[in-house]
C-alpha atoms as a PDB file:
ATOM      1  CA  UNK A   1     -38.061 122.353 -19.916  1.00  0.00           C
ATOM      2  CA  UNK A   2     -35.429 119.626 -20.507  1.00  0.00           C
ATOM      3  CA  UNK A   3     -32.907 120.466 -23.210  1.00  0.00           C
ATOM      4  CA  UNK A   4     -33.441 119.073 -26.684  1.00  0.00           C
ATOM      5  CA  UNK A   5     -30.231 117.468 -27.934  1.00  0.00           C
ATOM      6  CA  UNK A   6     -28.612 116.751 -31.262  1.00  0.00           C
ATOM      7  CA  UNK A   7     -26.851 113.386 -31.660  1.00  0.00           C
ATOM      8  CA  UNK A   8     -24.281 112.777 -34.373  1.00  0.00           C
ATOM      9  CA  UNK A   9     -22.813 109.543 -35.722  1.00  0.00           C
ATOM     10  CA  UNK A  10     -19.893 110.091 -38.116  1.00  0.00           C
ATOM     11  CA  UNK A  11     -19.142 106.934 -40.103  1.00  0.00           C
ATOM     12  CA  UNK A  12     -17.494 105.595 -43.225  1.00  0.00           C
ATOM     13  CA  UNK A  13     -18.694 102.042 -42.513  1.00  0.00           C
ATOM     14  CA  UNK A  14     -22.012 101.334 -44.253  1.00  0.00           C
ATOM     15  CA  UNK A  15     -22.629  98.213 -42.188  1.00  0.00           C
ATOM     16  CA  UNK A  16     -22.895 100.471 -39.123  1.00  0.00           C
ATOM     17  CA  UNK A  17     -25.178 103.125 -40.625  1.00  0.00           C
ATOM     18  CA  UNK A  18     -28.236 101.336 -39.227  1.00  0.00           C
ATOM     19  CA  UNK A  19     -27.096 102.242 -35.706  1.00  0.00           C
ATOM     20  CA  UNK A  20     -28.330 105.766 -36.405  1.00  0.00           C
ATOM     21  CA  UNK A  21     -31.819 104.348 -36.792  1.00  0.00           C
ATOM     22  CA  UNK A  22     -31.501 102.479 -33.507  1.00  0.00           C
ATOM     23  CA  UNK A  23     -30.412 105.701 -31.836  1.00  0.00           C
ATOM     24  CA  UNK A  24     -33.651 107.383 -32.954  1.00  0.00           C
ATOM     25  CA  UNK A  25     -35.524 104.797 -30.898  1.00  0.00           C
ATOM     26  CA  UNK A  26     -33.816 105.711 -27.598  1.00  0.00           C
ATOM     27  CA  UNK A  27     -33.589 109.516 -27.765  1.00  0.00           C
ATOM     28  CA  UNK A  28     -36.373 111.971 -26.990  1.00  0.00           C
ATOM     29  CA  UNK A  29     -38.990 112.989 -29.528  1.00  0.00           C
ATOM     30  CA  UNK A  30     -37.607 116.547 -29.665  1.00  0.00           C
ATOM     31  CA  UNK A  31     -34.034 115.362 -30.163  1.00  0.00           C
ATOM     32  CA  UNK A  32     -32.249 115.220 -33.497  1.00  0.00           C
ATOM     33  CA  UNK A  33     -30.168 112.322 -34.833  1.00  0.00           C
ATOM     34  CA  UNK A  34     -27.584 113.101 -37.519  1.00  0.00           C
ATOM     35  CA  UNK A  35     -25.616 110.597 -39.582  1.00  0.00           C
ATOM     36  CA  UNK A  36     -22.594 112.023 -41.382  1.00  0.00           C
ATOM     37  CA  UNK A  37     -21.868 109.514 -44.166  1.00  0.00           C
ATOM     38  CA  UNK A  38     -18.158 109.921 -44.818  1.00  0.00           C
ATOM     39  CA  UNK A  39     -17.759 108.069 -48.104  1.00  0.00           C
ATOM     40  CA  UNK A  40     -18.968 107.871 -51.678  1.00  0.00           C
ATOM     41  CA  UNK A  41     -22.051 105.700 -51.277  1.00  0.00           C
ATOM     42  CA  UNK A  42     -22.665 102.716 -53.512  1.00  0.00           C
ATOM     43  CA  UNK A  43     -26.208 102.341 -54.838  1.00  0.00           C
ATOM     44  CA  UNK A  44     -27.046  99.898 -52.054  1.00  0.00           C
ATOM     45  CA  UNK A  45     -25.670 102.326 -49.444  1.00  0.00           C
ATOM     46  CA  UNK A  46     -27.707 105.176 -50.904  1.00  0.00           C
ATOM     47  CA  UNK A  47     -30.887 103.147 -50.552  1.00  0.00           C
ATOM     48  CA  UNK A  48     -30.075 102.462 -46.918  1.00  0.00           C
ATOM     49  CA  UNK A  49     -29.491 106.157 -46.291  1.00  0.00           C
ATOM     50  CA  UNK A  50     -32.863 106.944 -47.794  1.00  0.00           C
ATOM     51  CA  UNK A  51     -34.463 104.422 -45.445  1.00  0.00           C
ATOM     52  CA  UNK A  52     -32.766 106.072 -42.469  1.00  0.00           C
ATOM     53  CA  UNK A  53     -34.087 109.476 -43.516  1.00  0.00           C
ATOM     54  CA  UNK A  54     -37.594 108.041 -43.614  1.00  0.00           C
ATOM     55  CA  UNK A  55     -36.998 106.777 -40.065  1.00  0.00           C
ATOM     56  CA  UNK A  56     -36.191 110.281 -38.839  1.00  0.00           C
ATOM     57  CA  UNK A  57     -32.401 110.410 -39.262  1.00  0.00           C
ATOM     58  CA  UNK A  58     -30.958 113.561 -40.756  1.00  0.00           C
ATOM     59  CA  UNK A  59     -28.289 112.393 -43.202  1.00  0.00           C
ATOM     60  CA  UNK A  60     -25.341 114.597 -44.199  1.00  0.00           C
ATOM     61  CA  UNK A  61     -23.394 113.200 -47.159  1.00  0.00           C
ATOM     62  CA  UNK A  62     -19.713 114.077 -47.519  1.00  0.00           C
ATOM     63  CA  UNK A  63     -19.607 112.478 -50.979  1.00  0.00           C
ATOM     64  CA  UNK A  64     -16.118 111.051 -50.388  1.00  0.00           C
ATOM     65  CA  UNK A  65     -14.049 110.040 -47.372  1.00  0.00           C
ATOM     66  CA  UNK A  66     -12.989 113.361 -45.815  1.00  0.00           C
ATOM     67  CA  UNK A  67     -12.075 112.051 -42.379  1.00  0.00           C
ATOM     68  CA  UNK A  68     -13.446 111.990 -38.879  1.00  0.00           C
ATOM     69  CA  UNK A  69     -12.538 115.578 -37.967  1.00  0.00           C
ATOM     70  CA  UNK A  70     -14.192 116.949 -41.100  1.00  0.00           C
ATOM     71  CA  UNK A  71     -17.309 114.923 -40.340  1.00  0.00           C
ATOM     72  CA  UNK A  72     -17.431 116.037 -36.726  1.00  0.00           C
ATOM     73  CA  UNK A  73     -17.066 119.629 -37.854  1.00  0.00           C
ATOM     74  CA  UNK A  74     -19.965 119.169 -40.280  1.00  0.00           C
ATOM     75  CA  UNK A  75     -22.196 118.000 -37.449  1.00  0.00           C
ATOM     76  CA  UNK A  76     -20.956 120.821 -35.233  1.00  0.00           C
ATOM     77  CA  UNK A  77     -21.756 123.443 -37.839  1.00  0.00           C
ATOM     78  CA  UNK A  78     -25.160 122.072 -38.868  1.00  0.00           C
ATOM     79  CA  UNK A  79     -26.753 120.629 -35.731  1.00  0.00           C
ATOM     80  CA  UNK A  80     -30.029 122.275 -34.784  1.00  0.00           C
ATOM     81  CA  UNK A  81     -29.713 122.277 -31.020  1.00  0.00           C
ATOM     82  CA  UNK A  82     -27.477 124.028 -28.483  1.00  0.00           C
ATOM     83  CA  UNK A  83     -25.846 120.783 -27.358  1.00  0.00           C
ATOM     84  CA  UNK A  84     -24.438 118.026 -29.540  1.00  0.00           C
ATOM     85  CA  UNK A  85     -23.726 114.442 -28.460  1.00  0.00           C
ATOM     86  CA  UNK A  86     -21.138 112.611 -30.543  1.00  0.00           C
ATOM     87  CA  UNK A  87     -21.671 108.862 -30.696  1.00  0.00           C
ATOM     88  CA  UNK A  88     -19.324 106.427 -32.470  1.00  0.00           C
ATOM     89  CA  UNK A  89     -20.958 104.167 -35.033  1.00  0.00           C
ATOM     90  CA  UNK A  90     -20.291 101.074 -32.883  1.00  0.00           C
ATOM     91  CA  UNK A  91     -21.634 102.515 -29.629  1.00  0.00           C
ATOM     92  CA  UNK A  92     -24.928 101.362 -28.116  1.00  0.00           C
ATOM     93  CA  UNK A  93     -26.768 103.849 -25.913  1.00  0.00           C
ATOM     94  CA  UNK A  94     -29.675 103.252 -23.573  1.00  0.00           C
ATOM     95  CA  UNK A  95     -32.474 105.691 -22.883  1.00  0.00           C
ATOM     96  CA  UNK A  96     -31.204 105.907 -19.294  1.00  0.00           C
ATOM     97  CA  UNK A  97     -27.776 107.115 -20.440  1.00  0.00           C
ATOM     98  CA  UNK A  98     -29.365 109.636 -22.810  1.00  0.00           C
ATOM     99  CA  UNK A  99     -31.407 111.064 -19.956  1.00  0.00           C
ATOM    100  CA  UNK A 100     -28.381 111.152 -17.631  1.00  0.00           C
ATOM    101  CA  UNK A 101     -26.556 113.257 -20.229  1.00  0.00           C
ATOM    102  CA  UNK A 102     -29.595 115.524 -20.582  1.00  0.00           C
ATOM    103  CA  UNK A 103     -29.837 115.972 -16.810  1.00  0.00           C
ATOM    104  CA  UNK A 104     -26.168 116.964 -16.573  1.00  0.00           C
ATOM    105  CA  UNK A 105     -26.671 119.530 -19.335  1.00  0.00           C
ATOM    106  CA  UNK A 106     -29.793 120.902 -17.658  1.00  0.00           C
ATOM    107  CA  UNK A 107     -27.677 121.322 -14.507  1.00  0.00           C
ATOM    108  CA  UNK A 108     -25.344 123.679 -16.360  1.00  0.00           C
ATOM    109  CA  UNK A 109     -22.653 121.334 -17.691  1.00  0.00           C
ATOM    110  CA  UNK A 110     -21.042 122.193 -21.040  1.00  0.00           C
ATOM    111  CA  UNK A 111     -19.102 118.941 -21.617  1.00  0.00           C
ATOM    112  CA  UNK A 112     -20.420 115.549 -20.554  1.00  0.00           C
ATOM    113  CA  UNK A 113     -18.513 112.291 -20.688  1.00  0.00           C
ATOM    114  CA  UNK A 114     -19.736 108.781 -19.864  1.00  0.00           C
ATOM    115  CA  UNK A 115     -18.187 105.473 -18.954  1.00  0.00           C
ATOM    116  CA  UNK A 116     -17.212 103.558 -22.115  1.00  0.00           C
ATOM    117  CA  UNK A 117     -17.643  99.858 -21.527  1.00  0.00           C
ATOM    118  CA  UNK A 118     -15.940  97.379 -23.912  1.00  0.00           C
ATOM    119  CA  UNK A 119     -17.959  94.677 -25.614  1.00  0.00           C
ATOM    120  CA  UNK A 120     -15.718  92.140 -27.350  1.00  0.00           C
ATOM    121  CA  UNK A 121     -17.009  89.614 -29.927  1.00  0.00           C
ATOM    122  CA  UNK A 122     -15.311  86.773 -28.030  1.00  0.00           C
ATOM    123  CA  UNK A 123     -12.819  86.167 -25.226  1.00  0.00           C
ATOM    124  CA  UNK A 124     -10.372  89.015 -24.758  1.00  0.00           C
ATOM    125  CA  UNK A 125      -6.970  87.908 -26.122  1.00  0.00           C
ATOM    126  CA  UNK A 126      -3.980  87.755 -23.813  1.00  0.00           C
ATOM    127  CA  UNK A 127      -2.091  90.485 -25.691  1.00  0.00           C
ATOM    128  CA  UNK A 128      -4.882  92.978 -25.022  1.00  0.00           C
ATOM    129  CA  UNK A 129      -5.225  94.128 -21.431  1.00  0.00           C
ATOM    130  CA  UNK A 130      -6.735  97.165 -19.745  1.00  0.00           C
ATOM    131  CA  UNK A 131      -3.480  98.981 -20.432  1.00  0.00           C
ATOM    132  CA  UNK A 132      -4.340  99.037 -24.119  1.00  0.00           C
ATOM    133  CA  UNK A 133      -8.043  99.805 -23.777  1.00  0.00           C
ATOM    134  CA  UNK A 134      -7.496 103.475 -24.636  1.00  0.00           C
ATOM    135  CA  UNK A 135      -6.441 102.467 -28.151  1.00  0.00           C
ATOM    136  CA  UNK A 136      -9.977 101.131 -28.590  1.00  0.00           C
ATOM    137  CA  UNK A 137     -11.838 104.055 -27.053  1.00  0.00           C
ATOM    138  CA  UNK A 138     -12.925 102.215 -23.905  1.00  0.00           C
ATOM    139  CA  UNK A 139     -12.178 102.858 -20.255  1.00  0.00           C
ATOM    140  CA  UNK A 140     -10.287 100.626 -17.851  1.00  0.00           C
ATOM    141  CA  UNK A 141     -10.079 102.311 -14.455  1.00  0.00           C
ATOM    142  CA  UNK A 142     -12.100 105.115 -12.936  1.00  0.00           C
ATOM    143  CA  UNK A 143      -8.919 106.961 -11.966  1.00  0.00           C
ATOM    144  CA  UNK A 144      -7.813 107.253 -15.595  1.00  0.00           C
ATOM    145  CA  UNK A 145     -11.251 107.685 -17.158  1.00  0.00           C
ATOM    146  CA  UNK A 146     -11.718 110.836 -19.221  1.00  0.00           C
ATOM    147  CA  UNK A 147     -14.282 112.215 -21.631  1.00  0.00           C
ATOM    148  CA  UNK A 148     -13.603 110.703 -25.066  1.00  0.00           C
ATOM    149  CA  UNK A 149     -15.150 111.184 -28.482  1.00  0.00           C
ATOM    150  CA  UNK A 150     -16.788 107.759 -28.626  1.00  0.00           C
ATOM    151  CA  UNK A 151     -19.619 109.274 -26.583  1.00  0.00           C
ATOM    152  CA  UNK A 152     -19.443 112.875 -25.439  1.00  0.00           C
ATOM    153  CA  UNK A 153     -21.775 115.834 -25.258  1.00  0.00           C
ATOM    154  CA  UNK A 154     -20.476 119.310 -26.037  1.00  0.00           C
ATOM    155  CA  UNK A 155     -21.775 122.861 -26.079  1.00  0.00           C
ATOM    156  CA  UNK A 156     -21.988 123.324 -29.831  1.00  0.00           C
ATOM    157  CA  UNK A 157     -23.109 126.934 -29.562  1.00  0.00           C
ATOM    158  CA  UNK A 158     -20.070 127.849 -27.451  1.00  0.00           C
ATOM    159  CA  UNK A 159     -17.756 126.041 -29.858  1.00  0.00           C
ATOM    160  CA  UNK A 160     -19.160 127.933 -32.825  1.00  0.00           C
ATOM    161  CA  UNK A 161     -18.976 131.268 -31.023  1.00  0.00           C
ATOM    162  CA  UNK A 162     -15.341 130.631 -30.012  1.00  0.00           C
ATOM    163  CA  UNK A 163     -14.474 129.259 -33.488  1.00  0.00           C
ATOM    164  CA  UNK A 164     -13.324 125.946 -31.995  1.00  0.00           C
ATOM    165  CA  UNK A 165     -13.246 123.008 -34.402  1.00  0.00           C
ATOM    166  CA  UNK A 166     -11.706 119.538 -34.645  1.00  0.00           C
ATOM    167  CA  UNK A 167      -8.204 119.548 -36.125  1.00  0.00           C
ATOM    168  CA  UNK A 168      -8.017 117.695 -39.428  1.00  0.00           C
ATOM    169  CA  UNK A 169      -4.479 116.403 -38.911  1.00  0.00           C
ATOM    170  CA  UNK A 170      -5.601 114.574 -35.769  1.00  0.00           C
ATOM    171  CA  UNK A 171      -8.823 113.008 -37.051  1.00  0.00           C
ATOM    172  CA  UNK A 172      -8.820 109.476 -38.422  1.00  0.00           C
ATOM    173  CA  UNK A 173      -9.076 109.221 -42.173  1.00  0.00           C
ATOM    174  CA  UNK A 174      -8.998 106.097 -44.329  1.00  0.00           C
ATOM    175  CA  UNK A 175      -6.244 103.808 -43.079  1.00  0.00           C
ATOM    176  CA  UNK A 176      -4.591 106.566 -41.057  1.00  0.00           C
ATOM    177  CA  UNK A 177      -5.263 106.026 -37.344  1.00  0.00           C
ATOM    178  CA  UNK A 178      -4.573 109.539 -36.137  1.00  0.00           C
ATOM    179  CA  UNK A 179      -5.994 110.389 -32.744  1.00  0.00           C
ATOM    180  CA  UNK A 180      -6.474 113.165 -30.248  1.00  0.00           C
ATOM    181  CA  UNK A 181      -8.848 115.367 -32.215  1.00  0.00           C
ATOM    182  CA  UNK A 182     -11.482 114.870 -29.516  1.00  0.00           C
ATOM    183  CA  UNK A 183      -9.332 115.586 -26.455  1.00  0.00           C
ATOM    184  CA  UNK A 184      -7.668 118.539 -28.179  1.00  0.00           C
ATOM    185  CA  UNK A 185     -11.085 119.968 -29.044  1.00  0.00           C
ATOM    186  CA  UNK A 186     -12.264 119.486 -25.456  1.00  0.00           C
ATOM    187  CA  UNK A 187      -9.170 121.206 -24.095  1.00  0.00           C
ATOM    188  CA  UNK A 188      -9.856 124.270 -26.237  1.00  0.00           C
ATOM    189  CA  UNK A 189     -13.524 124.208 -25.220  1.00  0.00           C
ATOM    190  CA  UNK A 190     -12.577 124.132 -21.518  1.00  0.00           C
ATOM    191  CA  UNK A 191     -10.201 127.058 -22.118  1.00  0.00           C
ATOM    192  CA  UNK A 192     -13.187 128.960 -23.532  1.00  0.00           C
ATOM    193  CA  UNK A 193     -15.098 128.486 -20.279  1.00  0.00           C
ATOM    194  CA  UNK A 194     -16.834 125.129 -20.703  1.00  0.00           C
ATOM    195  CA  UNK A 195     -17.667 123.250 -17.492  1.00  0.00           C
ATOM    196  CA  UNK A 196     -17.053 119.499 -17.708  1.00  0.00           C
ATOM    197  CA  UNK A 197     -18.621 116.579 -15.893  1.00  0.00           C
ATOM    198  CA  UNK A 198     -17.820 112.884 -16.239  1.00  0.00           C
ATOM    199  CA  UNK A 199     -20.689 110.513 -15.437  1.00  0.00           C
ATOM    200  CA  UNK A 200     -19.168 107.367 -13.960  1.00  0.00           C
ATOM    201  CA  UNK A 201     -22.552 105.665 -13.586  1.00  0.00           C
ATOM    202  CA  UNK A 202     -23.816 106.403 -17.113  1.00  0.00           C
ATOM    203  CA  UNK A 203     -22.651 103.661 -19.478  1.00  0.00           C
ATOM    204  CA  UNK A 204     -22.188 103.486 -23.235  1.00  0.00           C
ATOM    205  CA  UNK A 205     -21.355 100.060 -24.662  1.00  0.00           C
ATOM    206  CA  UNK A 206     -18.545 100.184 -27.225  1.00  0.00           C
ATOM    207  CA  UNK A 207     -18.667  97.116 -29.466  1.00  0.00           C
ATOM    208  CA  UNK A 208     -15.104  96.330 -30.540  1.00  0.00           C
ATOM    209  CA  UNK A 209     -14.790  94.501 -33.893  1.00  0.00           C
ATOM    210  CA  UNK A 210     -12.567  91.427 -33.857  1.00  0.00           C
ATOM    211  CA  UNK A 211     -10.158  93.063 -36.311  1.00  0.00           C
ATOM    212  CA  UNK A 212      -9.334  95.731 -33.758  1.00  0.00           C
ATOM    213  CA  UNK A 213      -8.172  93.206 -31.179  1.00  0.00           C
ATOM    214  CA  UNK A 214      -5.410  91.852 -33.449  1.00  0.00           C
ATOM    215  CA  UNK A 215      -1.815  92.680 -32.481  1.00  0.00           C
ATOM    216  CA  UNK A 216      -1.071  94.293 -35.854  1.00  0.00           C
ATOM    217  CA  UNK A 217      -3.962  96.740 -35.450  1.00  0.00           C
ATOM    218  CA  UNK A 218      -3.107  97.586 -31.850  1.00  0.00           C
ATOM    219  CA  UNK A 219       0.563  98.198 -32.652  1.00  0.00           C
ATOM    220  CA  UNK A 220      -0.361 100.312 -35.663  1.00  0.00           C
ATOM    221  CA  UNK A 221      -2.760 102.251 -33.454  1.00  0.00           C
ATOM    222  CA  UNK A 222       0.031 102.827 -30.913  1.00  0.00           C
ATOM    223  CA  UNK A 223       2.387 103.956 -33.718  1.00  0.00           C
ATOM    224  CA  UNK A 224      -0.174 106.502 -34.887  1.00  0.00           C
ATOM    225  CA  UNK A 225      -0.609 107.578 -31.279  1.00  0.00           C
ATOM    226  CA  UNK A 226       3.027 108.623 -31.295  1.00  0.00           C
ATOM    227  CA  UNK A 227       2.643 110.531 -34.554  1.00  0.00           C
ATOM    228  CA  UNK A 228      -0.434 112.295 -33.195  1.00  0.00           C
ATOM    229  CA  UNK A 229       1.366 113.280 -29.993  1.00  0.00           C
ATOM    230  CA  UNK A 230       3.964 115.140 -32.050  1.00  0.00           C
ATOM    231  CA  UNK A 231       1.224 116.933 -33.976  1.00  0.00           C
ATOM    232  CA  UNK A 232      -0.361 117.938 -30.662  1.00  0.00           C
ATOM    233  CA  UNK A 233       3.025 119.102 -29.255  1.00  0.00           C
ATOM    234  CA  UNK A 234       2.687 116.608 -26.391  1.00  0.00           C
ATOM    235  CA  UNK A 235       5.402 114.128 -27.380  1.00  0.00           C
ATOM    236  CA  UNK A 236       7.633 115.041 -24.414  1.00  0.00           C
ATOM    237  CA  UNK A 237       5.136 113.715 -21.861  1.00  0.00           C
ATOM    238  CA  UNK A 238       3.423 111.053 -23.942  1.00  0.00           C
ATOM    239  CA  UNK A 239       5.776 108.125 -23.314  1.00  0.00           C
ATOM    240  CA  UNK A 240       5.417 108.391 -19.563  1.00  0.00           C
ATOM    241  CA  UNK A 241       1.645 108.535 -19.963  1.00  0.00           C
ATOM    242  CA  UNK A 242       1.619 105.435 -22.177  1.00  0.00           C
ATOM    243  CA  UNK A 243       3.839 103.530 -19.749  1.00  0.00           C
ATOM    244  CA  UNK A 244       1.665 104.371 -16.752  1.00  0.00           C
ATOM    245  CA  UNK A 245      -1.442 103.266 -18.614  1.00  0.00           C
ATOM    246  CA  UNK A 246       0.199 100.023 -19.630  1.00  0.00           C
ATOM    247  CA  UNK A 247       1.328  98.972 -16.158  1.00  0.00           C
ATOM    248  CA  UNK A 248      -1.727 100.193 -14.260  1.00  0.00           C
ATOM    249  CA  UNK A 249      -3.671  97.754 -12.160  1.00  0.00           C
ATOM    250  CA  UNK A 250      -7.343  97.256 -12.764  1.00  0.00           C
ATOM    251  CA  UNK A 251     -10.070  94.710 -13.525  1.00  0.00           C
ATOM    252  CA  UNK A 252      -8.659  93.828 -16.950  1.00  0.00           C
ATOM    253  CA  UNK A 253      -4.966  94.080 -16.053  1.00  0.00           C
ATOM    254  CA  UNK A 254      -2.653  91.131 -16.736  1.00  0.00           C
ATOM    255  CA  UNK A 255      -0.237  89.579 -14.250  1.00  0.00           C
ATOM    256  CA  UNK A 256       2.637  91.954 -13.418  1.00  0.00           C
ATOM    257  CA  UNK A 257       5.281  90.351 -15.677  1.00  0.00           C
ATOM    258  CA  UNK A 258       2.989  90.354 -18.722  1.00  0.00           C
ATOM    259  CA  UNK A 259       1.694  93.830 -17.896  1.00  0.00           C
ATOM    260  CA  UNK A 260       5.187  95.284 -17.933  1.00  0.00           C
ATOM    261  CA  UNK A 261       6.224  93.346 -21.042  1.00  0.00           C
ATOM    262  CA  UNK A 262       3.202  94.532 -23.002  1.00  0.00           C
ATOM    263  CA  UNK A 263       3.705  98.088 -21.815  1.00  0.00           C
ATOM    264  CA  UNK A 264       7.281  97.961 -23.096  1.00  0.00           C
ATOM    265  CA  UNK A 265       6.105  96.777 -26.517  1.00  0.00           C
ATOM    266  CA  UNK A 266       3.303  99.289 -26.940  1.00  0.00           C
ATOM    267  CA  UNK A 267       5.265 102.225 -25.489  1.00  0.00           C
ATOM    268  CA  UNK A 268       8.006 101.289 -27.938  1.00  0.00           C
ATOM    269  CA  UNK A 269       5.486 101.478 -30.769  1.00  0.00           C
ATOM    270  CA  UNK A 270       4.435 104.938 -29.612  1.00  0.00           C
ATOM    271  CA  UNK A 271       8.107 105.998 -29.493  1.00  0.00           C
ATOM    272  CA  UNK A 272       8.574 104.701 -33.032  1.00  0.00           C
ATOM    273  CA  UNK A 273       5.641 106.822 -34.176  1.00  0.00           C
ATOM    274  CA  UNK A 274       7.138 109.882 -32.513  1.00  0.00           C
ATOM    275  CA  UNK A 275      10.467 109.376 -34.288  1.00  0.00           C
ATOM    276  CA  UNK A 276       8.695 108.797 -37.622  1.00  0.00           C
ATOM    277  CA  UNK A 277       6.642 111.972 -37.363  1.00  0.00           C
ATOM    278  CA  UNK A 278       9.629 114.067 -36.301  1.00  0.00           C
ATOM    279  CA  UNK A 279      11.679 112.765 -39.236  1.00  0.00           C
ATOM    280  CA  UNK A 280       8.860 113.435 -41.685  1.00  0.00           C
ATOM    281  CA  UNK A 281       8.359 116.959 -40.379  1.00  0.00           C
ATOM    282  CA  UNK A 282      12.093 117.646 -40.561  1.00  0.00           C
ATOM    283  CA  UNK A 283      12.184 116.402 -44.165  1.00  0.00           C
ATOM    284  CA  UNK A 284       9.184 118.553 -45.088  1.00  0.00           C
ATOM    285  CA  UNK A 285      10.816 121.644 -43.593  1.00  0.00           C
ATOM    286  CA  UNK A 286      13.955 120.885 -45.561  1.00  0.00           C
ATOM    287  CA  UNK A 287      11.990 120.655 -48.794  1.00  0.00           C
ATOM    288  CA  UNK A 288      10.259 123.919 -47.954  1.00  0.00           C
ATOM    289  CA  UNK A 289      13.599 125.738 -47.736  1.00  0.00           C
ATOM    290  CA  UNK A 290      14.689 124.564 -51.181  1.00  0.00           C
END
């Protein structure tokens, strides 16, 4: 019998809560859809959550904004099925992609990733090329594509048995654009024996809000990338990784001169984040010795 799946959307954006209801319409009748509402709902939000529950969505209320990692851990702890599919609140899934994930799990896969396709509200601006797509949780080239938290299926039972959770200091919270909680979690899950498969032909559409294509957001995202790399103990190799992503060829790559110029700017922002985090950690250690 095909596996029944749990799906979880973790969101602090009420205008995207309705996507949980749309997800109910494309998953199987034995599947479960969870919305983790990561905020203190206003009366109008509470009414919308009640409507979602009547539509078949299981709503978990954090009460306040506790962050993405906390919310993902809530879904991990409370999902009803063996496998859990995390879906960002601005991702659109088709029934075909849902079934492709289910088939991979039925074939014995413990981690399933899919191709994350960007959907922009208008023309892509010149300062945003494929080299910066990873800041937005979308893929650029097949060679660099990896399983990311915007849409990924994981063996929730294995994670609970191995006591593997998402790290709070890496999960986005409020205006802090921390990152890497998903890939760090997956690395620990693989170390526990999980088998991974990336489905290049299964597509999830990631709708990118216009505010996230602005230079100030992208540079702030790159700066937080640097801070997160220090927290993950991967700062030593991170700048080379960022540079290679920035200058890589691909369907959304800029002309060579612009590609290298943008890579220099964004890699510099990552380096600035690394320095900031190292200085803050050094200061905190100094205070701890007093």
